[in-house]
Amino acid sequence: DWERRGVPVRVELGPKDLEKDQVCVKMRVDSEAGKGKEFIPQA
């Protein structure tokens, strides 16, 4: 749904992310080919 609405950044957040103090980030369009999702510390 959000991909079709064109939102630039999607953040996925689950229990395992909380344990690792991270977020899973997906850009609407990847600036680098095949980059896909990134797991990044929240801060």
PDB file of all heavy atoms in Angstrom:
ATOM      1  N   ASP A   1       0.821  -1.207   0.000  1.00  0.00           N
ATOM      2  CA  ASP A   1       0.000   0.000   0.000  1.00  0.00           C
ATOM      3  C   ASP A   1       0.858   1.262   0.000  1.00  0.00           C
ATOM      4  O   ASP A   1       0.653   2.179  -0.806  1.00  0.00           O
ATOM      5  CB  ASP A   1      -0.912  -0.030   1.230  1.00  0.00           C
ATOM      6  CG  ASP A   1      -1.954   1.071   1.209  1.00  0.00           C
ATOM      7  OD1 ASP A   1      -2.366   1.482   0.109  1.00  0.00           O
ATOM      8  OD2 ASP A   1      -2.356   1.529   2.292  1.00  0.00           O
ATOM      9  N   TRP A   2       1.849   1.318   0.870  1.00  0.00           N
ATOM     10  CA  TRP A   2       2.668   2.522   0.973  1.00  0.00           C
ATOM     11  C   TRP A   2       3.601   2.685  -0.223  1.00  0.00           C
ATOM     12  O   TRP A   2       3.926   3.816  -0.615  1.00  0.00           O
ATOM     13  CB  TRP A   2       3.464   2.507   2.280  1.00  0.00           C
ATOM     14  CG  TRP A   2       2.569   2.658   3.464  1.00  0.00           C
ATOM     15  CD1 TRP A   2       2.266   1.719   4.408  1.00  0.00           C
ATOM     16  CD2 TRP A   2       1.818   3.824   3.834  1.00  0.00           C
ATOM     17  NE1 TRP A   2       1.387   2.212   5.331  1.00  0.00           N
ATOM     18  CE2 TRP A   2       1.094   3.509   5.006  1.00  0.00           C
ATOM     19  CE3 TRP A   2       1.683   5.094   3.294  1.00  0.00           C
ATOM     20  CZ2 TRP A   2       0.256   4.412   5.637  1.00  0.00           C
ATOM     21  CZ3 TRP A   2       0.848   6.010   3.926  1.00  0.00           C
ATOM     22  CH2 TRP A   2       0.152   5.666   5.077  1.00  0.00           C
ATOM     23  N   GLU A   3       4.033   1.571  -0.797  1.00  0.00           N
ATOM     24  CA  GLU A   3       4.842   1.649  -2.001  1.00  0.00           C
ATOM     25  C   GLU A   3       4.059   2.325  -3.122  1.00  0.00           C
ATOM     26  O   GLU A   3       4.577   3.179  -3.843  1.00  0.00           O
ATOM     27  CB  GLU A   3       5.263   0.237  -2.426  1.00  0.00           C
ATOM     28  CG  GLU A   3       6.203   0.207  -3.608  1.00  0.00           C
ATOM     29  CD  GLU A   3       6.725  -1.188  -3.895  1.00  0.00           C
ATOM     30  OE1 GLU A   3       5.889  -2.101  -4.066  1.00  0.00           O
ATOM     31  OE2 GLU A   3       7.947  -1.369  -3.937  1.00  0.00           O
ATOM     32  N   ARG A   4       2.804   1.962  -3.270  1.00  0.00           N
ATOM     33  CA  ARG A   4       1.983   2.552  -4.317  1.00  0.00           C
ATOM     34  C   ARG A   4       1.696   4.028  -4.071  1.00  0.00           C
ATOM     35  O   ARG A   4       1.441   4.779  -5.008  1.00  0.00           O
ATOM     36  CB  ARG A   4       0.672   1.771  -4.447  1.00  0.00           C
ATOM     37  CG  ARG A   4       0.934   0.338  -4.891  1.00  0.00           C
ATOM     38  CD  ARG A   4      -0.258  -0.327  -5.501  1.00  0.00           C
ATOM     39  NE  ARG A   4       0.213  -1.458  -6.308  1.00  0.00           N
ATOM     40  CZ  ARG A   4      -0.509  -2.096  -7.199  1.00  0.00           C
ATOM     41  NH1 ARG A   4      -1.753  -1.726  -7.414  1.00  0.00           N
ATOM     42  NH2 ARG A   4      -0.012  -3.096  -7.893  1.00  0.00           N
ATOM     43  N   ARG A   5       1.738   4.447  -2.832  1.00  0.00           N
ATOM     44  CA  ARG A   5       1.513   5.861  -2.503  1.00  0.00           C
ATOM     45  C   ARG A   5       2.779   6.695  -2.623  1.00  0.00           C
ATOM     46  O   ARG A   5       2.731   7.917  -2.474  1.00  0.00           O
ATOM     47  CB  ARG A   5       0.952   5.979  -1.088  1.00  0.00           C
ATOM     48  CG  ARG A   5      -0.480   5.476  -0.960  1.00  0.00           C
ATOM     49  CD  ARG A   5      -0.916   5.434   0.495  1.00  0.00           C
ATOM     50  NE  ARG A   5      -2.309   5.091   0.633  1.00  0.00           N
ATOM     51  CZ  ARG A   5      -3.306   5.962   0.767  1.00  0.00           C
ATOM     52  NH1 ARG A   5      -3.030   7.252   0.768  1.00  0.00           N
ATOM     53  NH2 ARG A   5      -4.544   5.565   0.880  1.00  0.00           N
ATOM     54  N   GLY A   6       3.917   6.050  -2.865  1.00  0.00           N
ATOM     55  CA  GLY A   6       5.144   6.781  -3.147  1.00  0.00           C
ATOM     56  C   GLY A   6       5.891   7.318  -1.956  1.00  0.00           C
ATOM     57  O   GLY A   6       6.746   8.198  -2.112  1.00  0.00           O
ATOM     58  N   VAL A   7       5.615   6.826  -0.740  1.00  0.00           N
ATOM     59  CA  VAL A   7       6.309   7.312   0.452  1.00  0.00           C
ATOM     60  C   VAL A   7       7.805   6.999   0.325  1.00  0.00           C
ATOM     61  O   VAL A   7       8.181   5.859   0.052  1.00  0.00           O
ATOM     62  CB  VAL A   7       5.729   6.674   1.725  1.00  0.00           C
ATOM     63  CG1 VAL A   7       6.546   7.066   2.946  1.00  0.00           C
ATOM     64  CG2 VAL A   7       4.275   7.101   1.892  1.00  0.00           C
ATOM     65  N   PRO A   8       8.683   7.993   0.502  1.00  0.00           N
ATOM     66  CA  PRO A   8      10.111   7.773   0.253  1.00  0.00           C
ATOM     67  C   PRO A   8      10.782   6.715   1.126  1.00  0.00           C
ATOM     68  O   PRO A   8      11.633   5.968   0.642  1.00  0.00           O
ATOM     69  CB  PRO A   8      10.726   9.157   0.518  1.00  0.00           C
ATOM     70  CG  PRO A   8       9.620  10.118   0.254  1.00  0.00           C
ATOM     71  CD  PRO A   8       8.380   9.416   0.728  1.00  0.00           C
ATOM     72  N   VAL A   9      10.411   6.636   2.415  1.00  0.00           N
ATOM     73  CA  VAL A   9      11.127   5.742   3.332  1.00  0.00           C
ATOM     74  C   VAL A   9      10.139   4.862   4.105  1.00  0.00           C
ATOM     75  O   VAL A   9       9.174   5.376   4.681  1.00  0.00           O
ATOM     76  CB  VAL A   9      11.984   6.543   4.349  1.00  0.00           C
ATOM     77  CG1 VAL A   9      12.801   5.588   5.222  1.00  0.00           C
ATOM     78  CG2 VAL A   9      12.903   7.525   3.641  1.00  0.00           C
ATOM     79  N   ARG A  10      10.406   3.568   4.093  1.00  0.00           N
ATOM     80  CA  ARG A  10       9.614   2.631   4.909  1.00  0.00           C
ATOM     81  C   ARG A  10      10.516   2.041   5.985  1.00  0.00           C
ATOM     82  O   ARG A  10      11.632   1.608   5.698  1.00  0.00           O
ATOM     83  CB  ARG A  10       9.061   1.510   4.038  1.00  0.00           C
ATOM     84  CG  ARG A  10       8.122   0.576   4.776  1.00  0.00           C
ATOM     85  CD  ARG A  10       7.575  -0.505   3.873  1.00  0.00           C
ATOM     86  NE  ARG A  10       8.491  -1.611   3.681  1.00  0.00           N
ATOM     87  CZ  ARG A  10       8.731  -2.197   2.502  1.00  0.00           C
ATOM     88  NH1 ARG A  10       8.139  -1.752   1.399  1.00  0.00           N
ATOM     89  NH2 ARG A  10       9.573  -3.211   2.414  1.00  0.00           N
ATOM     90  N   VAL A  11      10.025   2.037   7.212  1.00  0.00           N
ATOM     91  CA  VAL A  11      10.763   1.465   8.340  1.00  0.00           C
ATOM     92  C   VAL A  11       9.968   0.285   8.885  1.00  0.00           C
ATOM     93  O   VAL A  11       8.789   0.431   9.220  1.00  0.00           O
ATOM     94  CB  VAL A  11      10.987   2.510   9.461  1.00  0.00           C
ATOM     95  CG1 VAL A  11      11.610   1.859  10.679  1.00  0.00           C
ATOM     96  CG2 VAL A  11      11.868   3.647   8.955  1.00  0.00           C
ATOM     97  N   GLU A  12      10.603  -0.867   8.962  1.00  0.00           N
ATOM     98  CA  GLU A  12       9.981  -2.052   9.559  1.00  0.00           C
ATOM     99  C   GLU A  12      10.592  -2.253  10.936  1.00  0.00           C
ATOM    100  O   GLU A  12      11.813  -2.178  11.104  1.00  0.00           O
ATOM    101  CB  GLU A  12      10.212  -3.267   8.666  1.00  0.00           C
ATOM    102  CG  GLU A  12       9.672  -3.071   7.252  1.00  0.00           C
ATOM    103  CD  GLU A  12      10.157  -4.140   6.291  1.00  0.00           C
ATOM    104  OE1 GLU A  12      10.489  -5.254   6.762  1.00  0.00           O
ATOM    105  OE2 GLU A  12      10.214  -3.874   5.068  1.00  0.00           O
ATOM    106  N   LEU A  13       9.729  -2.525  11.886  1.00  0.00           N
ATOM    107  CA  LEU A  13      10.192  -2.608  13.272  1.00  0.00           C
ATOM    108  C   LEU A  13       9.516  -3.776  13.978  1.00  0.00           C
ATOM    109  O   LEU A  13       8.287  -3.794  14.130  1.00  0.00           O
ATOM    110  CB  LEU A  13       9.874  -1.298  14.004  1.00  0.00           C
ATOM    111  CG  LEU A  13      10.429  -1.125  15.411  1.00  0.00           C
ATOM    112  CD1 LEU A  13      11.953  -1.073  15.391  1.00  0.00           C
ATOM    113  CD2 LEU A  13       9.875   0.145  16.044  1.00  0.00           C
ATOM    114  N   GLY A  14      10.317  -4.774  14.380  1.00  0.00           N
ATOM    115  CA  GLY A  14       9.795  -5.940  15.084  1.00  0.00           C
ATOM    116  C   GLY A  14      10.575  -6.220  16.352  1.00  0.00           C
ATOM    117  O   GLY A  14      11.551  -5.513  16.661  1.00  0.00           O
ATOM    118  N   PRO A  15      10.193  -7.277  17.103  1.00  0.00           N
ATOM    119  CA  PRO A  15      10.855  -7.603  18.372  1.00  0.00           C
ATOM    120  C   PRO A  15      12.357  -7.835  18.225  1.00  0.00           C
ATOM    121  O   PRO A  15      13.145  -7.411  19.083  1.00  0.00           O
ATOM    122  CB  PRO A  15      10.138  -8.873  18.825  1.00  0.00           C
ATOM    123  CG  PRO A  15       8.810  -8.807  18.173  1.00  0.00           C
ATOM    124  CD  PRO A  15       9.042  -8.153  16.854  1.00  0.00           C
ATOM    125  N   LYS A  16      12.774  -8.513  17.173  1.00  0.00           N
ATOM    126  CA  LYS A  16      14.204  -8.761  16.983  1.00  0.00           C
ATOM    127  C   LYS A  16      14.963  -7.472  16.742  1.00  0.00           C
ATOM    128  O   LYS A  16      16.129  -7.339  17.126  1.00  0.00           O
ATOM    129  CB  LYS A  16      14.413  -9.736  15.831  1.00  0.00           C
ATOM    130  CG  LYS A  16      13.930 -11.148  16.136  1.00  0.00           C
ATOM    131  CD  LYS A  16      14.222 -12.090  14.981  1.00  0.00           C
ATOM    132  CE  LYS A  16      13.715 -13.498  15.273  1.00  0.00           C
ATOM    133  NZ  LYS A  16      13.967 -14.425  14.133  1.00  0.00           N
ATOM    134  N   ASP A  17      14.301  -6.507  16.081  1.00  0.00           N
ATOM    135  CA  ASP A  17      14.935  -5.204  15.877  1.00  0.00           C
ATOM    136  C   ASP A  17      15.142  -4.486  17.203  1.00  0.00           C
ATOM    137  O   ASP A  17      16.165  -3.822  17.401  1.00  0.00           O
ATOM    138  CB  ASP A  17      14.075  -4.336  14.949  1.00  0.00           C
ATOM    139  CG  ASP A  17      13.920  -4.929  13.562  1.00  0.00           C
ATOM    140  OD1 ASP A  17      14.944  -5.323  12.977  1.00  0.00           O
ATOM    141  OD2 ASP A  17      12.784  -5.021  13.077  1.00  0.00           O
ATOM    142  N   LEU A  18      14.169  -4.628  18.101  1.00  0.00           N
ATOM    143  CA  LEU A  18      14.309  -4.003  19.417  1.00  0.00           C
ATOM    144  C   LEU A  18      15.487  -4.596  20.176  1.00  0.00           C
ATOM    145  O   LEU A  18      16.244  -3.879  20.845  1.00  0.00           O
ATOM    146  CB  LEU A  18      13.026  -4.176  20.231  1.00  0.00           C
ATOM    147  CG  LEU A  18      11.740  -3.563  19.653  1.00  0.00           C
ATOM    148  CD1 LEU A  18      10.616  -3.652  20.680  1.00  0.00           C
ATOM    149  CD2 LEU A  18      11.957  -2.113  19.239  1.00  0.00           C
ATOM    150  N   GLU A  19      15.647  -5.928  20.079  1.00  0.00           N
ATOM    151  CA  GLU A  19      16.758  -6.593  20.772  1.00  0.00           C
ATOM    152  C   GLU A  19      18.101  -6.078  20.263  1.00  0.00           C
ATOM    153  O   GLU A  19      19.068  -5.968  21.038  1.00  0.00           O
ATOM    154  CB  GLU A  19      16.675  -8.100  20.554  1.00  0.00           C
ATOM    155  CG  GLU A  19      15.478  -8.766  21.224  1.00  0.00           C
ATOM    156  CD  GLU A  19      15.346 -10.233  20.828  1.00  0.00           C
ATOM    157  OE1 GLU A  19      16.282 -10.751  20.177  1.00  0.00           O
ATOM    158  OE2 GLU A  19      14.320 -10.853  21.173  1.00  0.00           O
ATOM    159  N   LYS A  20      18.159  -5.768  18.972  1.00  0.00           N
ATOM    160  CA  LYS A  20      19.419  -5.323  18.366  1.00  0.00           C
ATOM    161  C   LYS A  20      19.512  -3.801  18.281  1.00  0.00           C
ATOM    162  O   LYS A  20      20.495  -3.276  17.738  1.00  0.00           O
ATOM    163  CB  LYS A  20      19.566  -5.925  16.968  1.00  0.00           C
ATOM    164  CG  LYS A  20      19.605  -7.444  16.966  1.00  0.00           C
ATOM    165  CD  LYS A  20      19.649  -7.985  15.539  1.00  0.00           C
ATOM    166  CE  LYS A  20      19.624  -9.518  15.523  1.00  0.00           C
ATOM    167  NZ  LYS A  20      19.655 -10.048  14.134  1.00  0.00           N
ATOM    168  N   ASP A  21      18.491  -3.109  18.783  1.00  0.00           N
ATOM    169  CA  ASP A  21      18.457  -1.650  18.747  1.00  0.00           C
ATOM    170  C   ASP A  21      18.648  -1.136  17.311  1.00  0.00           C
ATOM    171  O   ASP A  21      19.390  -0.201  17.065  1.00  0.00           O
ATOM    172  CB  ASP A  21      19.533  -1.063  19.659  1.00  0.00           C
ATOM    173  CG  ASP A  21      19.304   0.429  19.926  1.00  0.00           C
ATOM    174  OD1 ASP A  21      18.129   0.841  19.926  1.00  0.00           O
ATOM    175  OD2 ASP A  21      20.286   1.163  20.102  1.00  0.00           O
ATOM    176  N   GLN A  22      17.890  -1.734  16.380  1.00  0.00           N
ATOM    177  CA  GLN A  22      18.027  -1.382  14.975  1.00  0.00           C
ATOM    178  C   GLN A  22      16.660  -1.174  14.339  1.00  0.00           C
ATOM    179  O   GLN A  22      15.615  -1.418  14.960  1.00  0.00           O
ATOM    180  CB  GLN A  22      18.752  -2.515  14.217  1.00  0.00           C
ATOM    181  CG  GLN A  22      17.907  -3.779  14.124  1.00  0.00           C
ATOM    182  CD  GLN A  22      18.587  -4.911  13.386  1.00  0.00           C
ATOM    183  OE1 GLN A  22      19.816  -4.924  13.242  1.00  0.00           O
ATOM    184  NE2 GLN A  22      17.821  -5.886  12.928  1.00  0.00           N
ATOM    185  N   VAL A  23      16.673  -0.709  13.104  1.00  0.00           N
ATOM    186  CA  VAL A  23      15.469  -0.649  12.278  1.00  0.00           C
ATOM    187  C   VAL A  23      15.809  -1.243  10.915  1.00  0.00           C
ATOM    188  O   VAL A  23      16.974  -1.228  10.486  1.00  0.00           O
ATOM    189  CB  VAL A  23      14.938   0.788  12.101  1.00  0.00           C
ATOM    190  CG1 VAL A  23      14.378   1.323  13.398  1.00  0.00           C
ATOM    191  CG2 VAL A  23      16.019   1.701  11.545  1.00  0.00           C
ATOM    192  N   CYS A  24      14.791  -1.770  10.251  1.00  0.00           N
ATOM    193  CA  CYS A  24      14.946  -2.247   8.881  1.00  0.00           C
ATOM    194  C   CYS A  24      14.393  -1.154   7.967  1.00  0.00           C
ATOM    195  O   CYS A  24      13.227  -0.778   8.080  1.00  0.00           O
ATOM    196  CB  CYS A  24      14.190  -3.553   8.684  1.00  0.00           C
ATOM    197  SG  CYS A  24      14.212  -4.150   6.977  1.00  0.00           S
ATOM    198  N   VAL A  25      15.228  -0.628   7.075  1.00  0.00           N
ATOM    199  CA  VAL A  25      14.867   0.517   6.246  1.00  0.00           C
ATOM    200  C   VAL A  25      14.811   0.113   4.776  1.00  0.00           C
ATOM    201  O   VAL A  25      15.720  -0.554   4.269  1.00  0.00           O
ATOM    202  CB  VAL A  25      15.881   1.670   6.423  1.00  0.00           C
ATOM    203  CG1 VAL A  25      15.524   2.844   5.523  1.00  0.00           C
ATOM    204  CG2 VAL A  25      15.926   2.106   7.878  1.00  0.00           C
ATOM    205  N   LYS A  26      13.746   0.537   4.100  1.00  0.00           N
ATOM    206  CA  LYS A  26      13.614   0.291   2.663  1.00  0.00           C
ATOM    207  C   LYS A  26      13.238   1.614   2.005  1.00  0.00           C
ATOM    208  O   LYS A  26      12.215   2.220   2.325  1.00  0.00           O
ATOM    209  CB  LYS A  26      12.529  -0.749   2.395  1.00  0.00           C
ATOM    210  CG  LYS A  26      12.272  -1.001   0.904  1.00  0.00           C
ATOM    211  CD  LYS A  26      13.452  -1.704   0.273  1.00  0.00           C
ATOM    212  CE  LYS A  26      13.126  -2.164  -1.157  1.00  0.00           C
ATOM    213  NZ  LYS A  26      12.962  -1.009  -2.081  1.00  0.00           N
ATOM    214  N   MET A  27      14.079   2.075   1.075  1.00  0.00           N
ATOM    215  CA  MET A  27      13.777   3.284   0.316  1.00  0.00           C
ATOM    216  C   MET A  27      12.811   2.937  -0.810  1.00  0.00           C
ATOM    217  O   MET A  27      12.846   1.829  -1.355  1.00  0.00           O
ATOM    218  CB  MET A  27      15.060   3.890  -0.266  1.00  0.00           C
ATOM    219  CG  MET A  27      16.108   4.253   0.764  1.00  0.00           C
ATOM    220  SD  MET A  27      15.553   5.488   1.962  1.00  0.00           S
ATOM    221  CE  MET A  27      15.357   6.929   0.895  1.00  0.00           C
ATOM    222  N   ARG A  28      11.956   3.895  -1.181  1.00  0.00           N
ATOM    223  CA  ARG A  28      10.988   3.640  -2.252  1.00  0.00           C
ATOM    224  C   ARG A  28      11.685   3.329  -3.572  1.00  0.00           C
ATOM    225  O   ARG A  28      11.238   2.466  -4.342  1.00  0.00           O
ATOM    226  CB  ARG A  28      10.067   4.866  -2.421  1.00  0.00           C
ATOM    227  CG  ARG A  28       9.080   4.759  -3.567  1.00  0.00           C
ATOM    228  CD  ARG A  28       8.190   3.530  -3.437  1.00  0.00           C
ATOM    229  NE  ARG A  28       7.285   3.416  -4.571  1.00  0.00           N
ATOM    230  CZ  ARG A  28       7.602   2.862  -5.746  1.00  0.00           C
ATOM    231  NH1 ARG A  28       8.829   2.382  -5.953  1.00  0.00           N
ATOM    232  NH2 ARG A  28       6.715   2.781  -6.710  1.00  0.00           N
ATOM    233  N   VAL A  29      12.779   4.018  -3.850  1.00  0.00           N
ATOM    234  CA  VAL A  29      13.610   3.705  -5.008  1.00  0.00           C
ATOM    235  C   VAL A  29      15.043   3.622  -4.513  1.00  0.00           C
ATOM    236  O   VAL A  29      15.532   4.535  -3.859  1.00  0.00           O
ATOM    237  CB  VAL A  29      13.497   4.789  -6.108  1.00  0.00           C
ATOM    238  CG1 VAL A  29      14.456   4.486  -7.250  1.00  0.00           C
ATOM    239  CG2 VAL A  29      12.064   4.876  -6.629  1.00  0.00           C
ATOM    240  N   ASP A  30      15.710   2.527  -4.801  1.00  0.00           N
ATOM    241  CA  ASP A  30      17.090   2.350  -4.344  1.00  0.00           C
ATOM    242  C   ASP A  30      18.034   3.152  -5.214  1.00  0.00           C
ATOM    243  O   ASP A  30      18.013   3.049  -6.439  1.00  0.00           O
ATOM    244  CB  ASP A  30      17.491   0.867  -4.396  1.00  0.00           C
ATOM    245  CG  ASP A  30      16.643   0.019  -3.460  1.00  0.00           C
ATOM    246  OD1 ASP A  30      16.311   0.524  -2.369  1.00  0.00           O
ATOM    247  OD2 ASP A  30      16.311  -1.121  -3.821  1.00  0.00           O
ATOM    248  N   SER A  31      18.878   3.941  -4.584  1.00  0.00           N
ATOM    249  CA  SER A  31      19.844   4.725  -5.343  1.00  0.00           C
ATOM    250  C   SER A  31      20.991   3.862  -5.839  1.00  0.00           C
ATOM    251  O   SER A  31      21.697   4.220  -6.774  1.00  0.00           O
ATOM    252  CB  SER A  31      20.395   5.870  -4.478  1.00  0.00           C
ATOM    253  OG  SER A  31      20.979   5.362  -3.296  1.00  0.00           O
ATOM    254  N   GLU A  32      21.188   2.710  -5.197  1.00  0.00           N
ATOM    255  CA  GLU A  32      22.222   1.774  -5.635  1.00  0.00           C
ATOM    256  C   GLU A  32      21.541   0.462  -6.009  1.00  0.00           C
ATOM    257  O   GLU A  32      20.735  -0.072  -5.249  1.00  0.00           O
ATOM    258  CB  GLU A  32      23.238   1.531  -4.519  1.00  0.00           C
ATOM    259  CG  GLU A  32      23.972   2.796  -4.081  1.00  0.00           C
ATOM    260  CD  GLU A  32      24.882   2.534  -2.899  1.00  0.00           C
ATOM    261  OE1 GLU A  32      25.269   1.365  -2.712  1.00  0.00           O
ATOM    262  OE2 GLU A  32      25.189   3.483  -2.168  1.00  0.00           O
ATOM    263  N   ALA A  33      21.873  -0.064  -7.179  1.00  0.00           N
ATOM    264  CA  ALA A  33      21.223  -1.264  -7.691  1.00  0.00           C
ATOM    265  C   ALA A  33      21.348  -2.417  -6.706  1.00  0.00           C
ATOM    266  O   ALA A  33      22.433  -2.727  -6.212  1.00  0.00           O
ATOM    267  CB  ALA A  33      21.836  -1.651  -9.034  1.00  0.00           C
ATOM    268  N   GLY A  34      20.212  -3.053  -6.427  1.00  0.00           N
ATOM    269  CA  GLY A  34      20.197  -4.241  -5.580  1.00  0.00           C
ATOM    270  C   GLY A  34      20.404  -3.982  -4.104  1.00  0.00           C
ATOM    271  O   GLY A  34      20.606  -4.911  -3.319  1.00  0.00           O
ATOM    272  N   LYS A  35      20.382  -2.737  -3.687  1.00  0.00           N
ATOM    273  CA  LYS A  35      20.659  -2.439  -2.280  1.00  0.00           C
ATOM    274  C   LYS A  35      19.564  -2.975  -1.370  1.00  0.00           C
ATOM    275  O   LYS A  35      19.826  -3.552  -0.325  1.00  0.00           O
ATOM    276  CB  LYS A  35      20.828  -0.937  -2.085  1.00  0.00           C
ATOM    277  CG  LYS A  35      21.440  -0.576  -0.747  1.00  0.00           C
ATOM    278  CD  LYS A  35      21.880   0.875  -0.739  1.00  0.00           C
ATOM    279  CE  LYS A  35      22.609   1.206   0.560  1.00  0.00           C
ATOM    280  NZ  LYS A  35      23.093   2.595   0.571  1.00  0.00           N
ATOM    281  N   GLY A  36      18.305  -2.809  -1.776  1.00  0.00           N
ATOM    282  CA  GLY A  36      17.195  -3.374  -1.023  1.00  0.00           C
ATOM    283  C   GLY A  36      17.101  -2.843   0.391  1.00  0.00           C
ATOM    284  O   GLY A  36      17.305  -1.656   0.651  1.00  0.00           O
ATOM    285  N   LYS A  37      16.831  -3.749   1.333  1.00  0.00           N
ATOM    286  CA  LYS A  37      16.651  -3.346   2.733  1.00  0.00           C
ATOM    287  C   LYS A  37      17.992  -3.192   3.431  1.00  0.00           C
ATOM    288  O   LYS A  37      18.965  -3.878   3.129  1.00  0.00           O
ATOM    289  CB  LYS A  37      15.814  -4.397   3.460  1.00  0.00           C
ATOM    290  CG  LYS A  37      14.382  -4.500   2.958  1.00  0.00           C
ATOM    291  CD  LYS A  37      13.618  -5.541   3.756  1.00  0.00           C
ATOM    292  CE  LYS A  37      12.176  -5.637   3.275  1.00  0.00           C
ATOM    293  NZ  LYS A  37      11.404  -6.651   4.041  1.00  0.00           N
ATOM    294  N   GLU A  38      17.998  -2.274   4.404  1.00  0.00           N
ATOM    295  CA  GLU A  38      19.177  -2.057   5.230  1.00  0.00           C
ATOM    296  C   GLU A  38      18.788  -2.192   6.694  1.00  0.00           C
ATOM    297  O   GLU A  38      17.729  -1.718   7.104  1.00  0.00           O
ATOM    298  CB  GLU A  38      19.743  -0.653   5.014  1.00  0.00           C
ATOM    299  CG  GLU A  38      20.191  -0.334   3.608  1.00  0.00           C
ATOM    300  CD  GLU A  38      20.652   1.111   3.511  1.00  0.00           C
ATOM    301  OE1 GLU A  38      21.773   1.398   3.970  1.00  0.00           O
ATOM    302  OE2 GLU A  38      19.881   1.946   3.024  1.00  0.00           O
ATOM    303  N   PHE A  39      19.641  -2.830   7.470  1.00  0.00           N
ATOM    304  CA  PHE A  39      19.449  -2.906   8.912  1.00  0.00           C
ATOM    305  C   PHE A  39      20.418  -1.913   9.549  1.00  0.00           C
ATOM    306  O   PHE A  39      21.636  -2.043   9.419  1.00  0.00           O
ATOM    307  CB  PHE A  39      19.690  -4.329   9.413  1.00  0.00           C
ATOM    308  CG  PHE A  39      18.637  -5.292   8.942  1.00  0.00           C
ATOM    309  CD1 PHE A  39      18.769  -5.946   7.725  1.00  0.00           C
ATOM    310  CD2 PHE A  39      17.489  -5.522   9.696  1.00  0.00           C
ATOM    311  CE1 PHE A  39      17.790  -6.818   7.272  1.00  0.00           C
ATOM    312  CE2 PHE A  39      16.505  -6.392   9.257  1.00  0.00           C
ATOM    313  CZ  PHE A  39      16.658  -7.038   8.027  1.00  0.00           C
ATOM    314  N   ILE A  40      19.856  -0.893  10.205  1.00  0.00           N
ATOM    315  CA  ILE A  40      20.634   0.247  10.672  1.00  0.00           C
ATOM    316  C   ILE A  40      20.341   0.488  12.158  1.00  0.00           C
ATOM    317  O   ILE A  40      19.171   0.425  12.575  1.00  0.00           O
ATOM    318  CB  ILE A  40      20.264   1.519   9.875  1.00  0.00           C
ATOM    319  CG1 ILE A  40      20.392   1.272   8.365  1.00  0.00           C
ATOM    320  CG2 ILE A  40      21.139   2.693  10.293  1.00  0.00           C
ATOM    321  CD1 ILE A  40      19.837   2.406   7.532  1.00  0.00           C
ATOM    322  N   PRO A  41      21.354   0.788  12.954  1.00  0.00           N
ATOM    323  CA  PRO A  41      21.090   1.172  14.349  1.00  0.00           C
ATOM    324  C   PRO A  41      20.102   2.342  14.394  1.00  0.00           C
ATOM    325  O   PRO A  41      20.182   3.262  13.567  1.00  0.00           O
ATOM    326  CB  PRO A  41      22.470   1.571  14.873  1.00  0.00           C
ATOM    327  CG  PRO A  41      23.437   0.808  14.019  1.00  0.00           C
ATOM    328  CD  PRO A  41      22.803   0.742  12.657  1.00  0.00           C
ATOM    329  N   GLN A  42      19.187   2.301  15.335  1.00  0.00           N
ATOM    330  CA  GLN A  42      18.145   3.332  15.396  1.00  0.00           C
ATOM    331  C   GLN A  42      18.732   4.744  15.465  1.00  0.00           C
ATOM    332  O   GLN A  42      18.284   5.649  14.751  1.00  0.00           O
ATOM    333  CB  GLN A  42      17.247   3.079  16.599  1.00  0.00           C
ATOM    334  CG  GLN A  42      16.374   1.844  16.478  1.00  0.00           C
ATOM    335  CD  GLN A  42      15.462   1.657  17.688  1.00  0.00           C
ATOM    336  OE1 GLN A  42      15.221   2.597  18.444  1.00  0.00           O
ATOM    337  NE2 GLN A  42      14.960   0.451  17.868  1.00  0.00           N
ATOM    338  N   ALA A  43      19.730   4.930  16.313  1.00  0.00           N
ATOM    339  CA  ALA A  43      20.311   6.262  16.477  1.00  0.00           C
ATOM    340  C   ALA A  43      20.950   6.732  15.171  1.00  0.00           C
ATOM    341  O   ALA A  43      20.848   7.909  14.806  1.00  0.00           O
ATOM    342  CB  ALA A  43      21.352   6.249  17.597  1.00  0.00           C
TER     343      ALA A  43
END
